[in-house]
N, C-alpha and C. Protein backbone atom coordinates (compact mmCIF):
# COMPACT_ATOMS: atom_id res chain seq x y z
N MET A 1 88.29 -117.25 -80.85
CA MET A 1 87.16 -116.87 -80.01
C MET A 1 86.82 -118.03 -79.09
N THR A 2 86.59 -117.73 -77.82
CA THR A 2 86.22 -118.74 -76.85
C THR A 2 84.71 -118.88 -76.78
N SER A 3 84.22 -120.10 -76.88
CA SER A 3 82.79 -120.36 -76.77
C SER A 3 82.44 -120.44 -75.30
N THR A 4 81.37 -119.78 -74.93
CA THR A 4 81.07 -119.65 -73.51
C THR A 4 79.62 -119.99 -73.18
N SER A 5 79.40 -120.10 -71.90
CA SER A 5 78.06 -120.09 -71.33
C SER A 5 78.11 -119.11 -70.18
N ARG A 6 76.98 -118.50 -69.90
CA ARG A 6 76.92 -117.56 -68.79
C ARG A 6 75.52 -117.55 -68.20
N SER A 7 75.45 -117.10 -66.98
CA SER A 7 74.16 -117.07 -66.30
C SER A 7 73.92 -115.71 -65.68
N GLU A 8 72.64 -115.41 -65.48
CA GLU A 8 72.22 -114.17 -64.83
C GLU A 8 71.17 -114.52 -63.79
N LEU A 9 71.49 -114.37 -62.52
CA LEU A 9 70.53 -114.62 -61.46
C LEU A 9 69.49 -113.51 -61.50
N GLN A 10 68.23 -113.88 -61.73
CA GLN A 10 67.18 -112.88 -61.87
C GLN A 10 66.37 -112.69 -60.59
N LEU A 11 66.26 -113.75 -59.78
CA LEU A 11 65.47 -113.68 -58.56
C LEU A 11 65.88 -114.82 -57.65
N GLU A 12 65.98 -114.53 -56.37
CA GLU A 12 66.21 -115.59 -55.39
C GLU A 12 65.56 -115.18 -54.08
N ASN A 13 64.72 -116.08 -53.56
CA ASN A 13 64.09 -115.85 -52.26
C ASN A 13 63.99 -117.19 -51.55
N ASN A 14 63.16 -117.29 -50.54
CA ASN A 14 63.06 -118.54 -49.77
C ASN A 14 62.34 -119.66 -50.52
N THR A 15 61.74 -119.35 -51.67
CA THR A 15 60.97 -120.34 -52.40
C THR A 15 61.56 -120.68 -53.77
N PHE A 16 62.04 -119.66 -54.49
CA PHE A 16 62.50 -119.87 -55.87
C PHE A 16 63.87 -119.23 -56.11
N ARG A 17 64.57 -119.85 -57.06
CA ARG A 17 65.77 -119.24 -57.66
C ARG A 17 65.52 -119.25 -59.17
N VAL A 18 65.60 -118.08 -59.79
CA VAL A 18 65.35 -117.95 -61.22
C VAL A 18 66.63 -117.47 -61.88
N THR A 19 67.12 -118.25 -62.84
CA THR A 19 68.38 -117.95 -63.52
C THR A 19 68.17 -117.99 -65.02
N LYS A 20 68.65 -116.97 -65.72
CA LYS A 20 68.66 -116.99 -67.18
C LYS A 20 70.02 -117.53 -67.62
N TRP A 21 69.99 -118.52 -68.51
CA TRP A 21 71.21 -119.13 -69.05
C TRP A 21 71.35 -118.80 -70.53
N ILE A 22 72.57 -118.51 -70.94
CA ILE A 22 72.89 -118.26 -72.34
C ILE A 22 74.10 -119.13 -72.68
N ILE A 23 73.94 -119.95 -73.73
CA ILE A 23 75.04 -120.81 -74.19
C ILE A 23 75.35 -120.41 -75.62
N ASP A 24 76.50 -119.81 -75.83
CA ASP A 24 76.91 -119.41 -77.17
C ASP A 24 77.13 -120.63 -78.05
N PRO A 25 77.09 -120.47 -79.38
CA PRO A 25 77.41 -121.59 -80.26
C PRO A 25 78.75 -122.22 -79.87
N GLY A 26 78.75 -123.54 -79.70
CA GLY A 26 79.94 -124.26 -79.27
C GLY A 26 80.19 -124.23 -77.78
N GLY A 27 79.35 -123.53 -77.02
CA GLY A 27 79.55 -123.38 -75.58
C GLY A 27 78.99 -124.55 -74.78
N VAL A 28 79.40 -124.61 -73.51
CA VAL A 28 79.02 -125.71 -72.62
C VAL A 28 78.77 -125.16 -71.21
N ILE A 29 77.73 -125.70 -70.56
CA ILE A 29 77.59 -125.55 -69.11
C ILE A 29 78.20 -126.82 -68.54
N PRO A 30 79.27 -126.71 -67.77
CA PRO A 30 79.96 -127.91 -67.28
C PRO A 30 79.06 -128.81 -66.42
N MET A 31 79.52 -130.03 -66.21
CA MET A 31 78.79 -131.01 -65.40
C MET A 31 78.39 -130.37 -64.07
N HIS A 32 77.12 -130.55 -63.72
CA HIS A 32 76.60 -130.00 -62.46
C HIS A 32 75.42 -130.85 -62.00
N ARG A 33 75.07 -130.68 -60.73
CA ARG A 33 73.97 -131.43 -60.13
C ARG A 33 72.85 -130.48 -59.74
N HIS A 34 71.62 -130.90 -59.96
CA HIS A 34 70.44 -130.12 -59.55
C HIS A 34 69.95 -130.64 -58.20
N ASP A 35 70.10 -129.82 -57.18
CA ASP A 35 69.67 -130.20 -55.84
C ASP A 35 68.19 -129.96 -55.60
N TYR A 36 67.53 -129.26 -56.53
CA TYR A 36 66.12 -128.93 -56.39
C TYR A 36 65.38 -129.27 -57.68
N PRO A 37 64.06 -129.55 -57.59
CA PRO A 37 63.27 -129.71 -58.81
C PRO A 37 63.24 -128.37 -59.55
N TYR A 38 63.13 -128.44 -60.88
CA TYR A 38 63.21 -127.19 -61.65
C TYR A 38 62.37 -127.25 -62.92
N VAL A 39 62.07 -126.06 -63.42
CA VAL A 39 61.36 -125.86 -64.68
C VAL A 39 62.30 -125.11 -65.61
N VAL A 40 62.33 -125.51 -66.88
CA VAL A 40 63.10 -124.81 -67.90
C VAL A 40 62.11 -124.16 -68.87
N VAL A 41 62.32 -122.86 -69.14
CA VAL A 41 61.50 -122.13 -70.09
C VAL A 41 62.41 -121.67 -71.23
N PRO A 42 62.39 -122.38 -72.38
CA PRO A 42 63.23 -121.97 -73.51
C PRO A 42 62.80 -120.61 -74.05
N LEU A 43 63.78 -119.79 -74.40
CA LEU A 43 63.50 -118.48 -74.97
C LEU A 43 63.71 -118.46 -76.47
N MET A 44 64.06 -119.61 -77.03
CA MET A 44 64.32 -119.75 -78.46
C MET A 44 63.96 -121.17 -78.90
N THR A 45 63.93 -121.38 -80.19
CA THR A 45 63.69 -122.71 -80.74
C THR A 45 65.01 -123.22 -81.32
N GLY A 46 65.37 -124.45 -80.96
CA GLY A 46 66.62 -125.04 -81.41
C GLY A 46 66.88 -126.31 -80.62
N SER A 47 68.15 -126.67 -80.49
CA SER A 47 68.46 -127.90 -79.76
C SER A 47 69.71 -127.70 -78.91
N MET A 48 69.84 -128.57 -77.91
CA MET A 48 71.04 -128.62 -77.09
C MET A 48 71.32 -130.08 -76.78
N THR A 49 72.55 -130.38 -76.44
CA THR A 49 72.95 -131.74 -76.14
C THR A 49 73.21 -131.85 -74.64
N VAL A 50 72.57 -132.84 -74.02
CA VAL A 50 72.71 -133.06 -72.59
C VAL A 50 73.45 -134.38 -72.39
N THR A 51 74.57 -134.33 -71.68
CA THR A 51 75.34 -135.53 -71.36
C THR A 51 75.15 -135.81 -69.88
N MET A 52 74.56 -136.96 -69.58
CA MET A 52 74.28 -137.34 -68.19
C MET A 52 75.57 -137.84 -67.53
N ALA A 53 75.57 -137.87 -66.20
CA ALA A 53 76.74 -138.30 -65.44
C ALA A 53 77.17 -139.72 -65.80
N ASP A 54 76.21 -140.57 -66.22
CA ASP A 54 76.55 -141.95 -66.59
C ASP A 54 77.04 -142.07 -68.03
N GLY A 55 77.16 -140.94 -68.74
CA GLY A 55 77.64 -140.94 -70.11
C GLY A 55 76.55 -140.95 -71.17
N THR A 56 75.31 -141.14 -70.78
CA THR A 56 74.20 -141.11 -71.73
C THR A 56 74.12 -139.72 -72.36
N VAL A 57 73.97 -139.67 -73.69
CA VAL A 57 73.89 -138.41 -74.41
C VAL A 57 72.49 -138.27 -74.99
N LEU A 58 71.85 -137.13 -74.71
CA LEU A 58 70.50 -136.85 -75.19
C LEU A 58 70.50 -135.57 -76.01
N SER A 59 69.83 -135.60 -77.16
CA SER A 59 69.60 -134.38 -77.93
C SER A 59 68.24 -133.85 -77.50
N THR A 60 68.23 -132.63 -76.97
CA THR A 60 67.01 -132.04 -76.44
C THR A 60 66.54 -130.94 -77.38
N GLU A 61 65.33 -131.10 -77.91
CA GLU A 61 64.76 -130.08 -78.78
C GLU A 61 64.04 -129.05 -77.93
N LEU A 62 64.31 -127.79 -78.20
CA LEU A 62 63.71 -126.69 -77.46
C LEU A 62 62.76 -125.93 -78.37
N GLU A 63 61.62 -125.53 -77.82
CA GLU A 63 60.67 -124.68 -78.54
C GLU A 63 60.40 -123.47 -77.67
N ALA A 64 60.56 -122.29 -78.22
CA ALA A 64 60.37 -121.06 -77.45
C ALA A 64 59.04 -121.10 -76.71
N GLY A 65 59.10 -120.91 -75.40
CA GLY A 65 57.91 -120.86 -74.56
C GLY A 65 57.34 -122.20 -74.14
N ALA A 66 57.86 -123.31 -74.64
CA ALA A 66 57.35 -124.65 -74.30
C ALA A 66 58.16 -125.19 -73.11
N SER A 67 57.67 -124.96 -71.92
CA SER A 67 58.37 -125.31 -70.68
C SER A 67 58.38 -126.82 -70.44
N TYR A 68 59.39 -127.26 -69.68
CA TYR A 68 59.43 -128.64 -69.21
C TYR A 68 60.03 -128.66 -67.82
N THR A 69 59.83 -129.74 -67.11
CA THR A 69 60.30 -129.84 -65.73
C THR A 69 61.16 -131.09 -65.54
N ARG A 70 62.02 -131.02 -64.54
CA ARG A 70 62.88 -132.15 -64.18
C ARG A 70 62.94 -132.25 -62.65
N PRO A 71 63.11 -133.47 -62.12
CA PRO A 71 63.20 -133.64 -60.67
C PRO A 71 64.58 -133.28 -60.14
N ALA A 72 64.67 -133.12 -58.85
CA ALA A 72 65.96 -132.90 -58.20
C ALA A 72 66.84 -134.14 -58.38
N GLY A 73 68.14 -133.94 -58.30
CA GLY A 73 69.08 -135.05 -58.32
C GLY A 73 69.76 -135.29 -59.65
N GLY A 74 69.28 -134.67 -60.72
CA GLY A 74 69.91 -134.87 -62.03
C GLY A 74 71.30 -134.26 -62.07
N GLU A 75 72.21 -134.96 -62.75
CA GLU A 75 73.57 -134.48 -62.91
C GLU A 75 73.93 -134.58 -64.38
N HIS A 76 74.31 -133.44 -64.98
CA HIS A 76 74.56 -133.42 -66.42
C HIS A 76 75.39 -132.22 -66.85
N GLU A 77 75.86 -132.30 -68.10
CA GLU A 77 76.51 -131.21 -68.81
C GLU A 77 75.57 -130.81 -69.93
N VAL A 78 75.52 -129.52 -70.27
CA VAL A 78 74.66 -129.04 -71.35
C VAL A 78 75.53 -128.34 -72.37
N ALA A 79 75.42 -128.76 -73.64
CA ALA A 79 76.25 -128.20 -74.70
C ALA A 79 75.40 -127.69 -75.85
N ASN A 80 75.89 -126.63 -76.49
CA ASN A 80 75.26 -126.08 -77.68
C ASN A 80 76.18 -126.37 -78.86
N HIS A 81 75.81 -127.36 -79.67
CA HIS A 81 76.65 -127.74 -80.81
C HIS A 81 76.32 -126.97 -82.08
N SER A 82 75.39 -126.03 -82.00
CA SER A 82 75.04 -125.22 -83.15
C SER A 82 76.20 -124.30 -83.52
N GLU A 83 76.29 -123.98 -84.80
CA GLU A 83 77.31 -123.04 -85.25
C GLU A 83 76.81 -121.61 -85.28
N ASP A 84 75.47 -121.44 -85.21
CA ASP A 84 74.95 -120.08 -85.37
C ASP A 84 73.75 -119.72 -84.49
N VAL A 85 73.27 -120.63 -83.65
CA VAL A 85 72.12 -120.35 -82.78
C VAL A 85 72.58 -120.32 -81.33
N THR A 86 72.28 -119.25 -80.64
CA THR A 86 72.57 -119.15 -79.22
C THR A 86 71.42 -119.77 -78.44
N VAL A 87 71.74 -120.68 -77.52
CA VAL A 87 70.72 -121.31 -76.67
C VAL A 87 70.46 -120.38 -75.49
N GLU A 88 69.19 -120.07 -75.25
CA GLU A 88 68.81 -119.23 -74.12
C GLU A 88 67.59 -119.84 -73.45
N PHE A 89 67.66 -119.94 -72.12
CA PHE A 89 66.51 -120.41 -71.36
C PHE A 89 66.52 -119.85 -69.95
N VAL A 90 65.35 -119.87 -69.33
CA VAL A 90 65.22 -119.48 -67.94
C VAL A 90 64.98 -120.75 -67.14
N GLU A 91 65.73 -120.90 -66.07
CA GLU A 91 65.61 -122.06 -65.18
C GLU A 91 65.02 -121.58 -63.86
N ILE A 92 63.92 -122.22 -63.45
CA ILE A 92 63.24 -121.86 -62.21
C ILE A 92 63.34 -123.03 -61.25
N GLU A 93 64.12 -122.86 -60.19
CA GLU A 93 64.31 -123.92 -59.20
C GLU A 93 63.40 -123.66 -58.00
N TRP A 94 62.73 -124.70 -57.55
CA TRP A 94 61.91 -124.62 -56.34
C TRP A 94 62.79 -125.02 -55.17
N ILE A 95 63.23 -124.03 -54.39
CA ILE A 95 64.19 -124.29 -53.33
C ILE A 95 63.56 -124.36 -51.94
N GLY A 96 62.27 -124.18 -51.87
CA GLY A 96 61.69 -124.24 -50.55
C GLY A 96 60.23 -124.28 -50.58
C-alpha cells in the first residue's frame, strides 16, 4: 500500500485560497514554499512532523479546532509518522 497525501481546493478568490489536506499514516506532503501568510485549522487531534528547508525537524502537536498561523516564506515538508491516525487540516492562505 502506498502512503499518500492529497488536497482538495475548497475555495479560491481574489482574497483567499482554502485547501483541505489529508495525510494518510506514513504519508508526506513534499517540500514546498508558502508564498502567502496562512492559517491552519486542524480537523483532528494528533501530531505531524515538519522538516524545514534547513533540515530542522519539528514535531507539531495538533488539536482539533485549535488554529495557528504562519507567515509567508516558510519552506518545509510535512509528514505523518502515525501508524493509525490520518492527519487532516484546512489551510487558509491570504492571497490578496
